[in-house]
Amino acid sequence: MDDLSELIQVFAETTETEMMKELFEELFTMKERYDFALRWRLMKDLHHGVHQREIAHNLGISLCKITRGSKILKKDGSVCRKLIEGLPKTR
């Protein structure tokens, strides 16, 4: 098993939220964790119909990153879209 596959398996088998949080803190820098959260936020905003320019302004990120997220959400079988659709409604 290669390292990435092994790491994905570790994530998949980690069911305790606190343990996953600690794992992220140990593996990723604060900036990396921030970038993950920012990417997730832009994906949720896109899914909820927020315009790309508004997201760019609100989050201070490039339209290029937002366009990538938009393409992911439009893709057939998008895992991100499926997971976001499964979240409780917050808006």
N, C-alpha and C. Protein backbone atom coordinates (compact mmCIF):
# COMPACT_ATOMS: atom_id res chain seq x y z
N MET A 1 0.86 -1.18 0.00
CA MET A 1 0.00 0.00 0.00
C MET A 1 0.90 1.24 0.00
N ASP A 2 0.61 2.18 -0.90
CA ASP A 2 1.42 3.39 -0.92
C ASP A 2 1.01 4.31 0.23
N ASP A 3 1.84 5.30 0.49
CA ASP A 3 1.62 6.19 1.64
C ASP A 3 0.29 6.94 1.58
N LEU A 4 -0.07 7.45 0.40
CA LEU A 4 -1.33 8.19 0.28
C LEU A 4 -2.52 7.28 0.54
N SER A 5 -2.50 6.08 -0.02
CA SER A 5 -3.59 5.14 0.23
C SER A 5 -3.69 4.79 1.71
N GLU A 6 -2.55 4.62 2.33
CA GLU A 6 -2.54 4.31 3.76
C GLU A 6 -3.11 5.46 4.57
N LEU A 7 -2.73 6.69 4.23
CA LEU A 7 -3.24 7.86 4.95
C LEU A 7 -4.75 7.99 4.76
N ILE A 8 -5.24 7.78 3.56
CA ILE A 8 -6.67 7.82 3.31
C ILE A 8 -7.39 6.77 4.15
N GLN A 9 -6.80 5.61 4.25
CA GLN A 9 -7.38 4.54 5.08
C GLN A 9 -7.43 4.96 6.54
N VAL A 10 -6.36 5.59 7.02
CA VAL A 10 -6.33 6.07 8.41
C VAL A 10 -7.46 7.09 8.62
N PHE A 11 -7.63 8.03 7.68
CA PHE A 11 -8.71 9.02 7.80
C PHE A 11 -10.07 8.32 7.82
N ALA A 12 -10.26 7.38 6.93
CA ALA A 12 -11.54 6.68 6.83
C ALA A 12 -11.87 5.91 8.11
N GLU A 13 -10.86 5.40 8.78
CA GLU A 13 -11.09 4.60 9.98
C GLU A 13 -11.11 5.42 11.26
N THR A 14 -10.79 6.70 11.18
CA THR A 14 -10.80 7.56 12.35
C THR A 14 -12.21 8.11 12.52
N THR A 15 -12.92 7.60 13.50
CA THR A 15 -14.33 7.96 13.68
C THR A 15 -14.56 8.94 14.82
N GLU A 16 -13.55 9.16 15.64
CA GLU A 16 -13.71 10.09 16.75
C GLU A 16 -13.28 11.49 16.31
N THR A 17 -14.18 12.45 16.47
CA THR A 17 -13.93 13.82 16.02
C THR A 17 -12.68 14.40 16.68
N GLU A 18 -12.54 14.22 17.96
CA GLU A 18 -11.39 14.80 18.67
C GLU A 18 -10.07 14.19 18.17
N MET A 19 -10.08 12.89 17.92
CA MET A 19 -8.88 12.24 17.41
C MET A 19 -8.54 12.76 16.00
N MET A 20 -9.57 12.94 15.16
CA MET A 20 -9.34 13.48 13.82
C MET A 20 -8.78 14.90 13.90
N LYS A 21 -9.32 15.70 14.80
CA LYS A 21 -8.81 17.07 14.99
C LYS A 21 -7.34 17.04 15.38
N GLU A 22 -6.99 16.19 16.32
CA GLU A 22 -5.59 16.08 16.75
C GLU A 22 -4.70 15.57 15.62
N LEU A 23 -5.20 14.62 14.83
CA LEU A 23 -4.44 14.11 13.69
C LEU A 23 -4.15 15.24 12.70
N PHE A 24 -5.18 16.05 12.40
CA PHE A 24 -4.97 17.19 11.50
C PHE A 24 -3.94 18.16 12.08
N GLU A 25 -4.02 18.42 13.38
CA GLU A 25 -3.08 19.35 14.02
C GLU A 25 -1.65 18.82 13.97
N GLU A 26 -1.50 17.51 14.06
CA GLU A 26 -0.16 16.92 14.02
C GLU A 26 0.39 16.83 12.61
N LEU A 27 -0.46 16.56 11.63
CA LEU A 27 0.00 16.36 10.25
C LEU A 27 0.12 17.64 9.44
N PHE A 28 -0.77 18.60 9.68
CA PHE A 28 -0.85 19.78 8.84
C PHE A 28 -0.53 21.05 9.62
N THR A 29 0.10 21.99 8.94
CA THR A 29 0.38 23.28 9.56
C THR A 29 -0.93 24.04 9.72
N MET A 30 -0.90 25.10 10.51
CA MET A 30 -2.08 25.94 10.68
C MET A 30 -2.54 26.49 9.32
N LYS A 31 -1.60 26.90 8.49
CA LYS A 31 -1.92 27.43 7.15
C LYS A 31 -2.58 26.36 6.29
N GLU A 32 -2.08 25.13 6.33
CA GLU A 32 -2.68 24.05 5.56
C GLU A 32 -4.11 23.77 6.02
N ARG A 33 -4.32 23.77 7.34
CA ARG A 33 -5.68 23.55 7.87
C ARG A 33 -6.60 24.69 7.47
N TYR A 34 -6.08 25.92 7.51
CA TYR A 34 -6.85 27.08 7.09
C TYR A 34 -7.25 26.94 5.61
N ASP A 35 -6.29 26.53 4.78
CA ASP A 35 -6.56 26.36 3.34
C ASP A 35 -7.62 25.29 3.09
N PHE A 36 -7.58 24.19 3.84
CA PHE A 36 -8.61 23.15 3.71
C PHE A 36 -9.99 23.74 4.05
N ALA A 37 -10.06 24.44 5.17
CA ALA A 37 -11.33 25.01 5.61
C ALA A 37 -11.83 26.06 4.62
N LEU A 38 -10.92 26.86 4.07
CA LEU A 38 -11.29 27.88 3.09
C LEU A 38 -11.84 27.23 1.82
N ARG A 39 -11.21 26.18 1.37
CA ARG A 39 -11.68 25.46 0.18
C ARG A 39 -13.08 24.89 0.43
N TRP A 40 -13.29 24.33 1.60
CA TRP A 40 -14.60 23.77 1.95
C TRP A 40 -15.66 24.87 1.99
N ARG A 41 -15.28 26.02 2.58
CA ARG A 41 -16.21 27.16 2.67
C ARG A 41 -16.62 27.63 1.27
N LEU A 42 -15.66 27.77 0.36
CA LEU A 42 -16.00 28.26 -0.98
C LEU A 42 -16.89 27.25 -1.70
N MET A 43 -16.66 25.97 -1.47
CA MET A 43 -17.51 24.94 -2.09
C MET A 43 -18.94 25.04 -1.56
N LYS A 44 -19.10 25.24 -0.26
CA LYS A 44 -20.44 25.39 0.32
C LYS A 44 -21.12 26.65 -0.21
N ASP A 45 -20.37 27.76 -0.28
CA ASP A 45 -20.95 29.00 -0.80
C ASP A 45 -21.41 28.82 -2.25
N LEU A 46 -20.58 28.20 -3.06
CA LEU A 46 -20.97 27.94 -4.45
C LEU A 46 -22.25 27.11 -4.51
N HIS A 47 -22.28 26.06 -3.71
CA HIS A 47 -23.45 25.17 -3.70
C HIS A 47 -24.72 25.93 -3.30
N HIS A 48 -24.56 26.90 -2.41
CA HIS A 48 -25.72 27.68 -1.95
C HIS A 48 -26.05 28.86 -2.86
N GLY A 49 -25.36 28.96 -4.00
CA GLY A 49 -25.72 29.96 -4.99
C GLY A 49 -25.05 31.31 -4.85
N VAL A 50 -24.05 31.42 -4.00
CA VAL A 50 -23.33 32.69 -3.87
C VAL A 50 -22.51 32.89 -5.15
N HIS A 51 -22.55 34.10 -5.70
CA HIS A 51 -21.83 34.40 -6.94
C HIS A 51 -20.32 34.35 -6.71
N GLN A 52 -19.61 33.91 -7.76
CA GLN A 52 -18.16 33.73 -7.65
C GLN A 52 -17.45 35.01 -7.25
N ARG A 53 -17.82 36.15 -7.81
CA ARG A 53 -17.15 37.41 -7.47
C ARG A 53 -17.39 37.79 -6.00
N GLU A 54 -18.58 37.48 -5.51
CA GLU A 54 -18.88 37.76 -4.10
C GLU A 54 -18.03 36.88 -3.19
N ILE A 55 -17.88 35.61 -3.57
CA ILE A 55 -17.03 34.70 -2.79
C ILE A 55 -15.59 35.21 -2.80
N ALA A 56 -15.11 35.60 -3.98
CA ALA A 56 -13.73 36.11 -4.10
C ALA A 56 -13.53 37.32 -3.18
N HIS A 57 -14.50 38.21 -3.18
CA HIS A 57 -14.41 39.41 -2.35
C HIS A 57 -14.46 39.05 -0.86
N ASN A 58 -15.44 38.23 -0.48
CA ASN A 58 -15.64 37.88 0.93
C ASN A 58 -14.48 37.08 1.51
N LEU A 59 -13.93 36.16 0.73
CA LEU A 59 -12.89 35.26 1.24
C LEU A 59 -11.48 35.68 0.86
N GLY A 60 -11.37 36.67 -0.04
CA GLY A 60 -10.06 37.14 -0.46
C GLY A 60 -9.27 36.10 -1.25
N ILE A 61 -9.97 35.39 -2.14
CA ILE A 61 -9.30 34.36 -2.94
C ILE A 61 -9.54 34.63 -4.42
N SER A 62 -8.75 33.98 -5.25
CA SER A 62 -8.81 34.21 -6.69
C SER A 62 -10.02 33.52 -7.32
N LEU A 63 -10.47 34.11 -8.42
CA LEU A 63 -11.55 33.49 -9.19
C LEU A 63 -11.13 32.14 -9.74
N CYS A 64 -9.84 31.95 -9.98
CA CYS A 64 -9.33 30.67 -10.49
C CYS A 64 -9.64 29.54 -9.51
N LYS A 65 -9.38 29.76 -8.21
CA LYS A 65 -9.69 28.74 -7.21
C LYS A 65 -11.18 28.47 -7.15
N ILE A 66 -11.96 29.53 -7.27
CA ILE A 66 -13.41 29.39 -7.19
C ILE A 66 -13.94 28.63 -8.41
N THR A 67 -13.40 28.94 -9.57
CA THR A 67 -13.81 28.25 -10.79
C THR A 67 -13.51 26.76 -10.69
N ARG A 68 -12.37 26.42 -10.12
CA ARG A 68 -12.04 25.00 -9.93
C ARG A 68 -13.09 24.33 -9.06
N GLY A 69 -13.48 25.00 -7.98
CA GLY A 69 -14.51 24.45 -7.10
C GLY A 69 -15.84 24.30 -7.81
N SER A 70 -16.17 25.26 -8.66
CA SER A 70 -17.42 25.21 -9.42
C SER A 70 -17.43 24.01 -10.35
N LYS A 71 -16.30 23.76 -11.01
CA LYS A 71 -16.21 22.62 -11.92
C LYS A 71 -16.37 21.30 -11.17
N ILE A 72 -15.80 21.23 -9.98
CA ILE A 72 -15.92 20.02 -9.16
C ILE A 72 -17.38 19.76 -8.81
N LEU A 73 -18.09 20.81 -8.40
CA LEU A 73 -19.49 20.64 -8.01
C LEU A 73 -20.39 20.27 -9.18
N LYS A 74 -20.03 20.68 -10.39
CA LYS A 74 -20.83 20.37 -11.58
C LYS A 74 -20.56 18.98 -12.14
N LYS A 75 -19.45 18.38 -11.73
CA LYS A 75 -19.06 17.08 -12.25
C LYS A 75 -20.04 15.99 -11.81
N ASP A 76 -20.40 15.10 -12.74
CA ASP A 76 -21.26 13.97 -12.39
C ASP A 76 -20.59 13.15 -11.29
N GLY A 77 -21.35 12.82 -10.27
CA GLY A 77 -20.83 11.99 -9.19
C GLY A 77 -19.91 12.72 -8.23
N SER A 78 -19.97 14.05 -8.20
CA SER A 78 -19.11 14.83 -7.31
C SER A 78 -19.30 14.44 -5.85
N VAL A 79 -18.23 13.99 -5.23
CA VAL A 79 -18.28 13.61 -3.82
C VAL A 79 -18.50 14.85 -2.96
N CYS A 80 -17.84 15.94 -3.30
CA CYS A 80 -18.02 17.18 -2.54
C CYS A 80 -19.48 17.61 -2.54
N ARG A 81 -20.11 17.60 -3.71
CA ARG A 81 -21.52 17.99 -3.81
C ARG A 81 -22.38 17.07 -2.95
N LYS A 82 -22.13 15.78 -3.04
CA LYS A 82 -22.91 14.81 -2.26
C LYS A 82 -22.77 15.07 -0.76
N LEU A 83 -21.55 15.34 -0.31
CA LEU A 83 -21.32 15.59 1.12
C LEU A 83 -21.95 16.89 1.56
N ILE A 84 -21.84 17.93 0.73
CA ILE A 84 -22.43 19.22 1.09
C ILE A 84 -23.96 19.11 1.14
N GLU A 85 -24.53 18.38 0.20
CA GLU A 85 -25.98 18.19 0.19
C GLU A 85 -26.45 17.44 1.44
N GLY A 86 -25.57 16.65 2.04
CA GLY A 86 -25.92 15.91 3.24
C GLY A 86 -25.78 16.69 4.54
N LEU A 87 -25.23 17.91 4.44
CA LEU A 87 -25.06 18.75 5.62
C LEU A 87 -26.39 19.35 6.04
N PRO A 88 -26.55 19.63 7.33
CA PRO A 88 -27.77 20.33 7.75
C PRO A 88 -27.81 21.73 7.12
N LYS A 89 -28.98 22.21 6.79
CA LYS A 89 -29.14 23.54 6.20
C LYS A 89 -28.81 24.61 7.24
N THR A 90 -27.89 25.52 6.88
CA THR A 90 -27.51 26.59 7.81
C THR A 90 -27.83 27.96 7.28
N ARG A 91 -28.34 28.03 6.07
CA ARG A 91 -28.67 29.34 5.47
C ARG A 91 -30.15 29.48 5.35
